[in-house]
Amino acid sequence: MLDTLKKKKVWIPLVIVLLVIIGYVFSTSKSDEGLYVDAELVELRDIIQRVNASGKIQPEEAVQITSTITGWITEITVMEGDTVEPGQHLISIDEKQIRPRYNNALSQVKSSEANLRKVRSQMDRTSSLFNQSLISKQELEQVEASFQIAQSQSEQANANLLSAEDELSKTRLTAPKYGIVTSITKEEGEMAVGGMFNPGVLMTVADLSRMEVEVDVNENDVVNIDIGDTSEIEIDAYPDTIFYGIVSEIAHTAQSANMGLQQQVTNFKVKVRMLSVPDKIRPGMSSTVNIITETIKDAVSIPIQSLTSRFENYEQKIDDKGDKWRGKNDEGDQSFKKIKSIDVVFALENEFNGALAPSGKKYAIVRPLEVGISSENHYFVSSGIKLGEMIVTGGYRVLSKELLHGTLVSLKNDPTSKDGNFGK
């Protein structure tokens, strides 16, 4: 038993030492491996900045047919999908309550006109007798007053007739313009609710040959959009087909959703007029619009994933070995002032601080740069990098955290070769 315990005491330290040696060898071999990165050459590309938004297709102009009077619908002369011309009869409303008022007004006009003719003849005779000094001036004035009253009554009767005619005409609704009947909300025998405020919609007429897409654009993107910008339109009902349009209207008033909440969103309505309207298109169809806000031809560009950020004093963040990041200010610097971040890319070069990179490796050098507009995959670079230089494009963790100014890296691919392979 005692011998067994002695053997265990001997073996335990040996196992610990062996594990330490294995760990050291493993870490050494891994550190010798270095970082592997993806690389790409800086090239000229056409950078097209787009604003993406979704919305619904609708006619540029749609007229809602309503009634200003309340009554039963006696006739609907069209069906949904019918084409109508200006002035074409669409809907008839019961006129039984309005026709008697019109007839009464017409009768009053005839009566007042007859009375006016009678008083006019009487005034002519009275005036002739007065000129012959056969009657007094008082009698003439009485007849003239009766003529003026009869004339006023005639004018009032004609005004009442015009009002009755207008009310009677509202029982017959006509098309105000050319278009297609897109919806009918009532049937014959139902009540048409009229009025000057919030009347019931009976029918909608729209010109489907002129369509537009109304989309919601975020407040951060709407500032880049101008009237007349070219747009690419994708309609869900027409897959793999792109239609074109231009921005025709930009709202000046925002529409906010989820007011008061953390998820509050502020959008602006933007209308895009379609240049070519496909057959069988229908209002309300879902659509996605890509508004082209700016285009730069043959621009020096970098992939979006290659752009990262570092502190502006990135050169002071490497120790003597050149491979360790310090997260604080230098010990001698007691100012503790805030260090801002800058946009950078990592250029791959064969030399760093007079040292040449070993075969198959390159130095990752921080390059501060200024970028402009972006497309879906690339940034336009205004300064900081040159055409044909090799830059790091991945992976994400290496770019965002592990790469430092002057880090020695290995390439996963060779962007200068046609097949993209490096040393394989």
Protein backbone atom coordinates (compact mmCIF):
# COMPACT_ATOMS: atom_id res chain seq x y z
CA MET A 1 0.00 0.00 0.00
CA LEU A 2 2.85 2.32 0.91
CA ASP A 3 4.62 1.57 -2.39
CA THR A 4 1.48 2.48 -4.32
CA LEU A 5 1.27 5.88 -2.65
CA LYS A 6 4.93 6.56 -3.41
CA LYS A 7 4.39 5.73 -7.09
CA LYS A 8 1.41 8.13 -7.28
CA LYS A 9 3.48 10.95 -5.75
CA VAL A 10 6.09 10.41 -8.43
CA TRP A 11 3.69 10.23 -11.38
CA ILE A 12 1.53 13.27 -10.56
CA PRO A 13 4.34 15.85 -10.96
CA LEU A 14 5.50 14.12 -14.14
CA VAL A 15 1.98 14.37 -15.64
CA ILE A 16 1.77 18.07 -14.76
CA VAL A 17 5.16 18.78 -16.32
CA LEU A 18 4.17 16.83 -19.44
CA LEU A 19 0.93 18.81 -19.82
CA VAL A 20 2.80 22.09 -19.46
CA ILE A 21 5.28 21.06 -22.15
CA ILE A 22 2.48 19.98 -24.53
CA GLY A 23 0.60 23.26 -23.95
CA TYR A 24 3.73 25.28 -24.60
CA VAL A 25 4.51 23.42 -27.80
CA PHE A 26 0.91 23.80 -28.98
CA SER A 27 0.77 27.53 -28.27
CA THR A 28 4.17 28.04 -29.91
CA SER A 29 3.14 26.22 -33.05
CA LYS A 30 -0.13 28.15 -33.15
CA SER A 31 1.62 31.48 -32.74
CA ASP A 32 4.00 30.57 -35.52
CA GLU A 33 0.97 29.99 -37.72
CA GLY A 34 0.00 33.66 -37.46
CA LEU A 35 -3.24 35.24 -38.70
CA TYR A 36 -4.80 34.21 -41.98
CA VAL A 37 -6.72 36.88 -43.87
CA ASP A 38 -8.71 37.30 -47.07
CA ALA A 39 -7.36 39.88 -49.49
CA GLU A 40 -8.54 41.83 -52.51
CA LEU A 41 -7.14 44.42 -54.90
CA VAL A 42 -8.49 47.97 -54.96
CA GLU A 43 -10.34 48.36 -58.26
CA LEU A 44 -12.37 50.87 -60.27
CA ARG A 45 -16.12 50.31 -60.13
CA ASP A 46 -19.34 52.16 -60.81
CA ILE A 47 -20.73 53.10 -57.40
CA ILE A 48 -24.51 53.47 -57.47
CA GLN A 49 -26.14 54.70 -54.28
CA ARG A 50 -29.71 53.43 -53.83
CA VAL A 51 -32.46 54.04 -51.30
CA ASN A 52 -34.63 50.98 -50.82
CA ALA A 53 -38.27 51.27 -49.78
CA SER A 54 -41.49 49.26 -50.00
CA GLY A 55 -45.03 50.36 -50.73
CA LYS A 56 -48.18 49.89 -52.76
CA ILE A 57 -49.08 50.62 -56.37
CA GLN A 58 -51.85 53.14 -56.88
CA PRO A 59 -53.25 55.27 -59.73
CA GLU A 60 -51.80 58.74 -60.10
CA GLU A 61 -55.35 60.09 -60.07
CA ALA A 62 -58.37 58.31 -58.62
CA VAL A 63 -61.80 59.96 -58.26
CA GLN A 64 -64.22 58.83 -55.59
CA ILE A 65 -67.85 59.19 -56.68
CA THR A 66 -70.01 60.43 -53.79
CA SER A 67 -73.49 61.89 -53.42
CA THR A 68 -74.41 65.21 -51.81
CA ILE A 69 -77.98 64.04 -51.24
CA THR A 70 -79.35 61.06 -49.33
CA GLY A 71 -81.61 58.64 -51.16
CA TRP A 72 -82.16 55.12 -52.43
CA ILE A 73 -80.02 53.95 -55.34
CA THR A 74 -82.36 53.04 -58.20
CA GLU A 75 -79.83 52.24 -60.95
CA ILE A 76 -76.11 51.48 -61.45
CA THR A 77 -75.23 51.50 -65.13
CA VAL A 78 -71.64 50.14 -64.98
CA MET A 79 -69.68 47.24 -63.49
CA GLU A 80 -66.19 47.01 -62.00
CA GLY A 81 -63.61 47.04 -64.76
CA ASP A 82 -65.75 49.05 -67.21
CA THR A 83 -64.16 52.00 -69.01
CA VAL A 84 -66.09 55.25 -68.68
CA GLU A 85 -65.94 58.56 -70.54
CA PRO A 86 -66.43 62.08 -69.10
CA GLY A 87 -70.12 62.81 -68.55
CA GLN A 88 -71.21 59.15 -68.80
CA HIS A 89 -74.18 58.24 -66.58
CA LEU A 90 -73.10 56.02 -63.66
CA ILE A 91 -75.68 55.99 -60.84
CA SER A 92 -79.30 57.11 -60.41
CA ILE A 93 -80.77 58.05 -57.01
CA ASP A 94 -84.48 58.08 -56.24
CA GLU A 95 -85.95 61.50 -57.13
CA LYS A 96 -89.50 61.11 -55.74
CA GLN A 97 -88.87 63.61 -52.96
CA ILE A 98 -86.97 66.05 -55.14
CA ARG A 99 -89.11 66.02 -58.30
CA PRO A 100 -92.18 67.62 -56.60
CA ARG A 101 -90.05 70.50 -55.31
CA TYR A 102 -88.71 71.04 -58.80
CA ASN A 103 -92.20 71.00 -60.32
CA ASN A 104 -93.42 73.47 -57.67
CA ALA A 105 -90.50 75.79 -58.38
CA LEU A 106 -91.20 75.57 -62.12
CA SER A 107 -94.86 76.41 -61.52
CA GLN A 108 -93.91 79.44 -59.41
CA VAL A 109 -91.68 80.70 -62.23
CA LYS A 110 -94.53 80.46 -64.75
CA SER A 111 -96.93 82.19 -62.34
CA SER A 112 -94.49 84.99 -61.52
CA GLU A 113 -93.70 85.58 -65.19
CA ALA A 114 -97.42 85.81 -66.01
CA ASN A 115 -97.97 88.27 -63.16
CA LEU A 116 -94.93 90.27 -64.30
CA ARG A 117 -96.36 90.58 -67.82
CA LYS A 118 -99.70 91.67 -66.40
CA VAL A 119 -98.20 94.38 -64.16
CA ARG A 120 -95.91 95.57 -66.98
CA SER A 121 -98.92 96.11 -69.29
CA GLN A 122 -100.77 97.90 -66.48
CA MET A 123 -97.76 100.16 -65.90
CA ASP A 124 -97.54 101.00 -69.61
CA ARG A 125 -101.22 102.06 -69.66
CA THR A 126 -100.91 104.04 -66.45
CA SER A 127 -97.83 105.84 -67.75
CA SER A 128 -99.70 106.77 -70.96
CA LEU A 129 -102.66 108.17 -68.97
CA PHE A 130 -100.31 110.12 -66.72
CA ASN A 131 -98.64 111.69 -69.75
CA GLN A 132 -102.11 112.85 -70.86
CA SER A 133 -102.70 114.28 -67.36
CA LEU A 134 -105.68 111.96 -66.92
CA ILE A 135 -104.47 110.39 -63.66
CA SER A 136 -102.51 111.60 -60.70
CA LYS A 137 -98.85 110.92 -60.02
CA GLN A 138 -99.80 108.93 -56.90
CA GLU A 139 -101.62 106.33 -59.01
CA LEU A 140 -98.60 106.03 -61.31
CA GLU A 141 -96.26 105.48 -58.34
CA GLN A 142 -98.50 102.71 -56.99
CA VAL A 143 -98.41 100.86 -60.32
CA GLU A 144 -94.62 101.26 -60.59
CA ALA A 145 -94.22 99.81 -57.08
CA SER A 146 -96.40 96.85 -58.04
CA PHE A 147 -94.19 96.27 -61.11
CA GLN A 148 -91.02 96.23 -59.01
CA ILE A 149 -92.57 93.72 -56.58
CA ALA A 150 -93.65 91.48 -59.45
CA GLN A 151 -90.16 91.69 -60.98
CA SER A 152 -88.56 90.71 -57.65
CA GLN A 153 -90.96 87.78 -57.24
CA SER A 154 -90.04 86.57 -60.74
CA GLU A 155 -86.33 86.71 -59.94
CA GLN A 156 -86.88 84.85 -56.69
CA ALA A 157 -88.91 82.17 -58.45
CA ASN A 158 -86.17 81.70 -61.05
CA ALA A 159 -83.55 81.36 -58.28
CA ASN A 160 -85.66 78.71 -56.55
CA LEU A 161 -85.98 76.88 -59.87
CA LEU A 162 -82.19 76.88 -60.37
CA SER A 163 -81.73 75.45 -56.86
CA ALA A 164 -84.33 72.75 -57.50
CA GLU A 165 -82.72 71.90 -60.87
CA ASP A 166 -79.33 71.55 -59.18
CA GLU A 167 -80.77 69.30 -56.49
CA LEU A 168 -82.59 67.21 -59.09
CA SER A 169 -79.39 66.88 -61.19
CA LYS A 170 -77.63 65.35 -58.18
CA THR A 171 -79.87 62.31 -58.45
CA ARG A 172 -77.99 61.43 -61.64
CA LEU A 173 -74.26 60.89 -61.03
CA THR A 174 -71.91 61.03 -64.03
CA ALA A 175 -68.22 60.28 -64.64
CA PRO A 176 -66.05 63.38 -64.09
CA LYS A 177 -63.18 62.06 -66.26
CA TYR A 178 -61.92 59.16 -68.33
CA GLY A 179 -60.99 56.06 -66.39
CA ILE A 180 -61.81 52.54 -65.28
CA VAL A 181 -64.27 51.65 -62.54
CA THR A 182 -62.00 50.10 -59.89
CA SER A 183 -64.58 49.62 -57.14
CA ILE A 184 -68.33 49.81 -56.49
CA THR A 185 -69.28 49.90 -52.81
CA LYS A 186 -73.07 49.97 -53.11
CA GLU A 187 -75.78 47.93 -54.82
CA GLU A 188 -79.11 48.94 -56.33
CA GLY A 189 -81.68 49.35 -53.57
CA GLU A 190 -79.15 50.46 -50.93
CA MET A 191 -79.09 53.90 -49.37
CA ALA A 192 -76.65 56.52 -50.66
CA VAL A 193 -75.63 58.62 -47.67
CA GLY A 194 -74.91 62.17 -48.80
CA GLY A 195 -73.77 65.40 -47.22
CA MET A 196 -70.99 67.93 -47.47
CA PHE A 197 -68.90 66.25 -44.75
CA ASN A 198 -67.83 62.58 -44.86
CA PRO A 199 -70.21 61.42 -47.58
CA GLY A 200 -70.29 57.71 -48.36
CA VAL A 201 -68.14 56.61 -51.33
CA LEU A 202 -70.30 54.90 -53.95
CA MET A 203 -67.74 54.21 -56.67
CA THR A 204 -64.10 54.84 -57.61
CA VAL A 205 -62.93 55.73 -61.11
CA ALA A 206 -59.19 55.74 -61.92
CA ASP A 207 -56.95 55.96 -64.97
CA LEU A 208 -54.93 52.73 -64.76
CA SER A 209 -52.68 53.75 -67.65
CA ARG A 210 -50.91 56.15 -65.28
CA MET A 211 -49.70 54.45 -62.13
CA GLU A 212 -47.33 55.28 -59.29
CA VAL A 213 -45.79 53.61 -56.25
CA GLU A 214 -46.21 55.26 -52.86
CA VAL A 215 -43.45 54.20 -50.47
CA ASP A 216 -42.34 55.05 -46.94
CA VAL A 217 -38.76 56.37 -46.80
CA ASN A 218 -36.87 56.71 -43.53
CA GLU A 219 -35.91 60.21 -42.40
CA ASN A 220 -32.19 59.34 -42.71
CA ASP A 221 -32.58 58.46 -46.40
CA VAL A 222 -35.15 61.00 -47.62
CA VAL A 223 -32.56 63.81 -47.50
CA ASN A 224 -30.67 62.08 -50.33
CA ILE A 225 -33.70 61.93 -52.65
CA ASP A 226 -34.59 64.60 -55.22
CA ILE A 227 -37.53 65.05 -57.57
CA GLY A 228 -36.71 63.34 -60.87
CA ASP A 229 -34.41 60.64 -59.46
CA THR A 230 -34.48 57.43 -61.50
CA SER A 231 -35.96 54.42 -59.72
CA GLU A 232 -36.00 50.65 -60.21
CA ILE A 233 -39.39 49.12 -59.43
CA GLU A 234 -39.93 45.46 -58.56
CA ILE A 235 -43.53 44.20 -58.40
CA ASP A 236 -44.24 41.01 -56.48
CA ALA A 237 -46.73 39.90 -59.13
CA TYR A 238 -44.04 40.21 -61.85
CA PRO A 239 -41.00 38.31 -60.51
CA ASP A 240 -37.59 38.72 -62.16
CA THR A 241 -38.79 41.86 -63.96
CA ILE A 242 -37.60 45.40 -63.31
CA PHE A 243 -39.69 48.43 -64.26
CA TYR A 244 -38.45 52.00 -64.21
CA GLY A 245 -39.87 55.21 -62.84
CA ILE A 246 -38.98 58.66 -61.56
CA VAL A 247 -39.61 60.35 -58.22
CA SER A 248 -42.58 62.66 -58.73
CA GLU A 249 -43.41 63.81 -55.20
CA ILE A 250 -41.73 63.97 -51.78
CA ALA A 251 -43.82 64.67 -48.69
CA HIS A 252 -42.88 67.64 -46.52
CA THR A 253 -44.61 66.29 -43.43
CA ALA A 254 -43.38 63.21 -41.57
CA GLN A 255 -45.49 60.28 -40.45
CA SER A 256 -44.39 58.66 -37.21
CA ALA A 257 -45.18 55.18 -35.97
CA ASN A 258 -44.92 53.88 -32.38
CA MET A 259 -44.95 57.41 -30.97
CA GLY A 260 -43.30 57.66 -27.56
CA LEU A 261 -41.79 54.20 -27.73
CA GLN A 262 -38.19 53.14 -28.20
CA GLN A 263 -39.14 51.65 -31.57
CA GLN A 264 -40.46 54.99 -32.88
CA VAL A 265 -39.97 55.29 -36.64
CA THR A 266 -40.25 58.49 -38.68
CA ASN A 267 -40.96 58.11 -42.41
CA PHE A 268 -41.85 60.34 -45.32
CA LYS A 269 -44.20 59.47 -48.17
CA VAL A 270 -42.49 59.41 -51.57
CA LYS A 271 -44.31 58.84 -54.86
CA VAL A 272 -42.58 57.22 -57.85
CA ARG A 273 -44.31 57.51 -61.22
CA MET A 274 -44.00 54.43 -63.42
CA LEU A 275 -42.70 55.12 -66.93
CA SER A 276 -44.14 51.92 -68.40
CA VAL A 277 -47.24 50.33 -66.89
CA PRO A 278 -47.53 46.54 -67.42
CA ASP A 279 -50.77 44.90 -68.47
CA LYS A 280 -53.20 43.64 -65.83
CA ILE A 281 -51.65 45.73 -63.11
CA ARG A 282 -53.97 46.39 -60.18
CA PRO A 283 -54.02 49.11 -57.51
CA GLY A 284 -52.82 47.85 -54.15
CA MET A 285 -50.16 45.45 -55.48
CA SER A 286 -47.02 45.21 -53.34
CA SER A 287 -43.86 46.71 -54.75
CA THR A 288 -40.25 47.43 -53.82
CA VAL A 289 -38.49 50.54 -55.12
CA ASN A 290 -34.76 51.22 -55.42
CA ILE A 291 -34.30 54.97 -55.84
CA ILE A 292 -30.95 55.82 -57.47
CA THR A 293 -29.79 58.93 -55.66
CA GLU A 294 -26.21 59.24 -56.98
CA THR A 295 -23.88 57.48 -59.42
CA ILE A 296 -20.08 57.73 -59.70
CA LYS A 297 -18.46 56.13 -62.75
CA ASP A 298 -15.04 54.41 -62.52
CA ALA A 299 -14.57 55.20 -58.83
CA VAL A 300 -11.77 53.88 -56.62
CA SER A 301 -13.68 51.47 -54.39
CA ILE A 302 -13.27 49.02 -51.53
CA PRO A 303 -15.57 46.25 -50.28
CA ILE A 304 -17.84 47.32 -47.45
CA GLN A 305 -16.56 44.55 -45.17
CA SER A 306 -12.97 45.80 -45.51
CA LEU A 307 -13.73 49.11 -43.76
CA THR A 308 -13.16 49.07 -40.02
CA SER A 309 -12.20 51.54 -37.29
CA ARG A 310 -9.19 52.13 -35.04
CA PHE A 311 -8.13 54.84 -32.60
CA GLU A 312 -6.45 57.81 -34.26
CA ASN A 313 -3.19 57.11 -32.34
CA TYR A 314 -3.08 53.53 -33.63
CA GLU A 315 0.72 53.67 -34.15
CA GLN A 316 1.28 54.08 -30.39
CA LYS A 317 -0.79 51.04 -29.53
CA ILE A 318 1.88 48.42 -30.30
CA ASP A 319 4.55 47.32 -27.91
CA ASP A 320 8.17 46.50 -28.77
CA LYS A 321 7.20 43.14 -30.27
CA GLY A 322 4.65 44.78 -32.56
CA ASP A 323 1.90 42.28 -31.85
CA LYS A 324 0.15 43.41 -28.68
CA TRP A 325 -2.64 45.98 -28.28
CA ARG A 326 -2.70 48.34 -25.33
CA GLY A 327 -6.14 49.52 -24.36
CA LYS A 328 -5.00 52.54 -22.26
CA ASN A 329 -3.05 55.70 -22.84
CA ASP A 330 0.70 55.57 -22.46
CA GLU A 331 1.94 55.62 -18.86
CA GLY A 332 3.64 58.96 -19.36
CA ASP A 333 0.49 60.55 -20.73
CA GLN A 334 -1.61 61.83 -17.84
CA SER A 335 -4.04 63.89 -19.90
CA PHE A 336 -6.58 61.09 -20.28
CA LYS A 337 -8.21 62.92 -23.16
CA LYS A 338 -10.75 61.09 -25.25
CA ILE A 339 -9.34 59.30 -28.30
CA LYS A 340 -11.66 59.28 -31.26
CA SER A 341 -12.01 56.49 -33.80
CA ILE A 342 -11.24 56.83 -37.48
CA ASP A 343 -12.16 54.81 -40.58
CA VAL A 344 -9.30 52.63 -41.80
CA VAL A 345 -8.43 49.70 -44.03
CA PHE A 346 -5.48 47.34 -43.71
CA ALA A 347 -3.18 47.45 -46.72
CA LEU A 348 -0.89 44.45 -47.27
CA GLU A 349 2.76 45.31 -47.90
CA ASN A 350 6.06 43.43 -48.04
CA GLU A 351 7.94 45.87 -45.78
CA PHE A 352 7.26 47.51 -42.42
CA ASN A 353 9.67 49.80 -40.53
CA GLY A 354 12.57 48.58 -42.69
CA ALA A 355 11.82 44.87 -42.10
CA LEU A 356 10.96 42.59 -45.00
CA ALA A 357 8.12 40.10 -44.60
CA PRO A 358 9.00 36.38 -44.76
CA SER A 359 8.06 34.41 -47.83
CA GLY A 360 4.30 33.84 -48.06
CA LYS A 361 3.51 36.57 -45.52
CA LYS A 362 2.76 40.29 -45.58
CA TYR A 363 2.47 43.15 -43.15
CA ALA A 364 -0.99 44.61 -42.46
CA ILE A 365 -0.58 48.39 -42.46
CA VAL A 366 -3.32 50.71 -41.20
CA ARG A 367 -4.46 53.22 -43.82
CA PRO A 368 -6.80 56.01 -42.65
CA LEU A 369 -9.10 56.98 -45.49
CA GLU A 370 -12.16 58.99 -46.41
CA VAL A 371 -15.15 57.26 -47.96
CA GLY A 372 -18.13 58.71 -49.79
CA ILE A 373 -21.30 57.12 -51.04
CA SER A 374 -21.79 53.36 -51.02
CA SER A 375 -23.51 50.80 -53.19
CA GLU A 376 -24.82 47.47 -51.91
CA ASN A 377 -21.30 46.02 -51.61
CA HIS A 378 -18.69 48.76 -52.05
CA TYR A 379 -17.63 52.19 -50.78
CA PHE A 380 -16.34 55.04 -52.93
CA VAL A 381 -12.94 56.11 -51.60
CA SER A 382 -12.08 59.78 -52.00
CA SER A 383 -8.60 59.56 -50.44
CA GLY A 384 -6.30 57.25 -48.47
CA ILE A 385 -5.83 54.28 -50.81
CA LYS A 386 -4.61 53.85 -54.37
CA LEU A 387 -5.79 51.78 -57.29
CA GLY A 388 -4.22 48.30 -57.38
CA GLU A 389 -3.19 48.14 -53.72
CA MET A 390 -3.96 44.94 -51.83
CA ILE A 391 -6.22 45.24 -48.76
CA VAL A 392 -7.62 42.87 -46.13
CA THR A 393 -11.29 41.98 -46.60
CA GLY A 394 -11.83 39.34 -43.89
CA GLY A 395 -12.63 37.61 -41.75
CA TYR A 396 -14.78 39.85 -39.61
CA ARG A 397 -13.20 39.02 -36.21
CA VAL A 398 -9.68 39.45 -37.55
CA LEU A 399 -10.52 42.84 -39.04
CA SER A 400 -12.54 44.19 -36.14
CA LYS A 401 -10.39 43.03 -33.21
CA GLU A 402 -7.21 41.08 -33.94
CA LEU A 403 -5.39 43.04 -36.65
CA LEU A 404 -2.98 45.75 -35.53
CA HIS A 405 -0.78 48.21 -37.35
CA GLY A 406 2.20 46.17 -38.61
CA THR A 407 0.79 42.71 -37.83
CA LEU A 408 2.39 39.92 -39.88
CA VAL A 409 -0.31 37.86 -41.66
CA SER A 410 -0.68 35.00 -44.09
CA LEU A 411 -2.99 35.13 -47.09
CA LYS A 412 -5.79 32.65 -47.69
CA ASN A 413 -5.93 33.71 -51.34
CA ASP A 414 -3.77 35.50 -53.87
CA PRO A 415 -5.84 38.26 -55.54
CA THR A 416 -3.08 38.82 -58.11
CA SER A 417 -3.54 35.32 -59.57
CA LYS A 418 -6.35 34.42 -61.93
CA ASP A 419 -7.70 31.49 -59.90
CA GLY A 420 -7.44 33.37 -56.59
CA ASN A 421 -5.44 30.60 -54.87
CA PHE A 422 -2.30 31.34 -52.94
CA GLY A 423 0.51 28.87 -53.01
CA LYS A 424 -1.80 25.93 -53.72
